[in-house]
C-alpha atoms as a PDB file:
ATOM      1  CA  UNK A   1       0.041   0.024  -0.010  1.00  0.00           C
ATOM      2  CA  UNK A   2       1.169   3.547  -0.881  1.00  0.00           C
ATOM      3  CA  UNK A   3       0.038   6.746   0.682  1.00  0.00           C
ATOM      4  CA  UNK A   4       0.500  10.493   0.061  1.00  0.00           C
ATOM      5  CA  UNK A   5      -0.829  13.593   1.691  1.00  0.00           C
ATOM      6  CA  UNK A   6      -2.002  16.427  -0.744  1.00  0.00           C
ATOM      7  CA  UNK A   7      -3.712  19.717  -0.314  1.00  0.00           C
ATOM      8  CA  UNK A   8      -6.802  20.751  -2.117  1.00  0.00           C
ATOM      9  CA  UNK A   9      -5.633  23.789  -4.148  1.00  0.00           C
ATOM     10  CA  UNK A  10      -8.633  24.924  -6.132  1.00  0.00           C
ATOM     11  CA  UNK A  11     -10.618  27.855  -4.779  1.00  0.00           C
ATOM     12  CA  UNK A  12     -13.999  26.136  -4.869  1.00  0.00           C
ATOM     13  CA  UNK A  13     -12.758  23.025  -3.004  1.00  0.00           C
ATOM     14  CA  UNK A  14     -13.760  19.477  -3.618  1.00  0.00           C
ATOM     15  CA  UNK A  15     -17.196  20.170  -5.194  1.00  0.00           C
ATOM     16  CA  UNK A  16     -19.059  17.894  -7.729  1.00  0.00           C
ATOM     17  CA  UNK A  17     -16.731  18.438 -10.671  1.00  0.00           C
ATOM     18  CA  UNK A  18     -13.429  17.585  -8.881  1.00  0.00           C
ATOM     19  CA  UNK A  19     -15.163  14.696  -7.199  1.00  0.00           C
ATOM     20  CA  UNK A  20     -16.314  13.393 -10.512  1.00  0.00           C
ATOM     21  CA  UNK A  21     -12.830  13.802 -12.074  1.00  0.00           C
ATOM     22  CA  UNK A  22     -11.306  12.016  -9.105  1.00  0.00           C
ATOM     23  CA  UNK A  23     -13.663   9.036  -9.210  1.00  0.00           C
ATOM     24  CA  UNK A  24     -13.322   8.778 -13.038  1.00  0.00           C
ATOM     25  CA  UNK A  25      -9.476   8.717 -12.694  1.00  0.00           C
ATOM     26  CA  UNK A  26      -9.620   6.258  -9.780  1.00  0.00           C
ATOM     27  CA  UNK A  27     -11.837   3.915 -11.723  1.00  0.00           C
ATOM     28  CA  UNK A  28      -9.171   3.498 -14.428  1.00  0.00           C
ATOM     29  CA  UNK A  29      -7.102   1.474 -11.968  1.00  0.00           C
ATOM     30  CA  UNK A  30      -7.587  -1.974 -10.294  1.00  0.00           C
ATOM     31  CA  UNK A  31      -6.201  -0.848  -7.035  1.00  0.00           C
ATOM     32  CA  UNK A  32      -8.354   0.072  -4.090  1.00  0.00           C
ATOM     33  CA  UNK A  33      -8.320   3.899  -3.530  1.00  0.00           C
ATOM     34  CA  UNK A  34      -9.232   5.538  -0.226  1.00  0.00           C
ATOM     35  CA  UNK A  35      -9.248   9.065   1.032  1.00  0.00           C
ATOM     36  CA  UNK A  36      -8.566   9.797   4.592  1.00  0.00           C
ATOM     37  CA  UNK A  37      -9.189  13.200   6.196  1.00  0.00           C
ATOM     38  CA  UNK A  38      -7.148  12.940   9.341  1.00  0.00           C
ATOM     39  CA  UNK A  39      -8.481  16.047  11.140  1.00  0.00           C
ATOM     40  CA  UNK A  40     -12.034  14.643  10.708  1.00  0.00           C
ATOM     41  CA  UNK A  41     -11.134  11.009  11.229  1.00  0.00           C
ATOM     42  CA  UNK A  42     -13.089  10.053   8.176  1.00  0.00           C
ATOM     43  CA  UNK A  43     -12.054   7.623   5.431  1.00  0.00           C
ATOM     44  CA  UNK A  44     -14.088   7.132   2.198  1.00  0.00           C
ATOM     45  CA  UNK A  45     -13.741   4.991  -0.988  1.00  0.00           C
ATOM     46  CA  UNK A  46     -12.026   7.169  -3.544  1.00  0.00           C
ATOM     47  CA  UNK A  47     -14.125   5.431  -6.301  1.00  0.00           C
ATOM     48  CA  UNK A  48     -17.396   6.706  -4.684  1.00  0.00           C
ATOM     49  CA  UNK A  49     -18.623  10.084  -5.769  1.00  0.00           C
ATOM     50  CA  UNK A  50     -21.093  10.091  -2.968  1.00  0.00           C
ATOM     51  CA  UNK A  51     -18.465   9.361  -0.407  1.00  0.00           C
ATOM     52  CA  UNK A  52     -16.145  12.113  -1.704  1.00  0.00           C
ATOM     53  CA  UNK A  53     -19.028  14.660  -1.711  1.00  0.00           C
ATOM     54  CA  UNK A  54     -19.814  13.956   1.905  1.00  0.00           C
ATOM     55  CA  UNK A  55     -16.360  15.092   2.961  1.00  0.00           C
ATOM     56  CA  UNK A  56     -17.165  18.865   2.261  1.00  0.00           C
ATOM     57  CA  UNK A  57     -13.496  19.694   1.498  1.00  0.00           C
ATOM     58  CA  UNK A  58     -12.542  23.283   0.932  1.00  0.00           C
ATOM     59  CA  UNK A  59      -9.384  24.936  -0.432  1.00  0.00           C
ATOM     60  CA  UNK A  60      -6.482  24.139   1.939  1.00  0.00           C
ATOM     61  CA  UNK A  61      -7.871  20.845   3.153  1.00  0.00           C
ATOM     62  CA  UNK A  62      -5.278  18.211   3.561  1.00  0.00           C
ATOM     63  CA  UNK A  63      -6.259  14.643   2.491  1.00  0.00           C
ATOM     64  CA  UNK A  64      -4.295  11.373   2.462  1.00  0.00           C
ATOM     65  CA  UNK A  65      -4.679   9.201  -0.656  1.00  0.00           C
ATOM     66  CA  UNK A  66      -3.958   5.568  -0.067  1.00  0.00           C
ATOM     67  CA  UNK A  67      -3.709   3.103  -2.900  1.00  0.00           C
ATOM     68  CA  UNK A  68      -3.476  -0.699  -2.551  1.00  0.00           C
ATOM     69  CA  UNK A  69      -3.288  -3.112  -5.526  1.00  0.00           C
ATOM     70  CA  UNK A  70      -1.337  -4.188  -8.548  1.00  0.00           C
ATOM     71  CA  UNK A  71      -1.191  -0.796 -10.213  1.00  0.00           C
ATOM     72  CA  UNK A  72      -0.890   1.249  -7.055  1.00  0.00           C
ATOM     73  CA  UNK A  73       2.208   3.290  -7.985  1.00  0.00           C
ATOM     74  CA  UNK A  74       0.665   4.445 -11.306  1.00  0.00           C
ATOM     75  CA  UNK A  75      -2.714   5.147  -9.581  1.00  0.00           C
ATOM     76  CA  UNK A  76      -1.275   7.117  -6.778  1.00  0.00           C
ATOM     77  CA  UNK A  77       0.891   9.256  -9.139  1.00  0.00           C
ATOM     78  CA  UNK A  78      -2.079   9.937 -11.360  1.00  0.00           C
ATOM     79  CA  UNK A  79      -4.404  10.952  -8.488  1.00  0.00           C
ATOM     80  CA  UNK A  80      -1.862  13.124  -6.770  1.00  0.00           C
ATOM     81  CA  UNK A  81      -1.147  15.016 -10.080  1.00  0.00           C
ATOM     82  CA  UNK A  82      -4.895  15.525 -10.491  1.00  0.00           C
ATOM     83  CA  UNK A  83      -5.286  17.041  -6.990  1.00  0.00           C
ATOM     84  CA  UNK A  84      -2.027  19.034  -7.020  1.00  0.00           C
ATOM     85  CA  UNK A  85      -3.061  20.356 -10.482  1.00  0.00           C
ATOM     86  CA  UNK A  86      -6.223  21.819  -8.922  1.00  0.00           C
ATOM     87  CA  UNK A  87      -8.444  19.510 -11.026  1.00  0.00           C
ATOM     88  CA  UNK A  88      -7.697  21.795 -13.927  1.00  0.00           C
ATOM     89  CA  UNK A  89      -9.182  24.795 -12.254  1.00  0.00           C
ATOM     90  CA  UNK A  90      -5.927  26.373 -10.854  1.00  0.00           C
END
């Protein structure tokens, strides 16, 4: 299992569009993807748009992406780039 902490950079936070982009990207991989919000103590399935939307993450929120499976390296790299790139909004 691989993990990495990233910060939500886009001004509007983790609203419906970023959540959709994240789940679509995560679904391309066989590995299990989870999002942990340490300060909330909440962990959700990174392939579930409903789970991601319940987090209510705003700009500056720190999340931990954890990936476990046969393509975990590639999956983690791809998802980190998506978040760090502001979901194309920054």
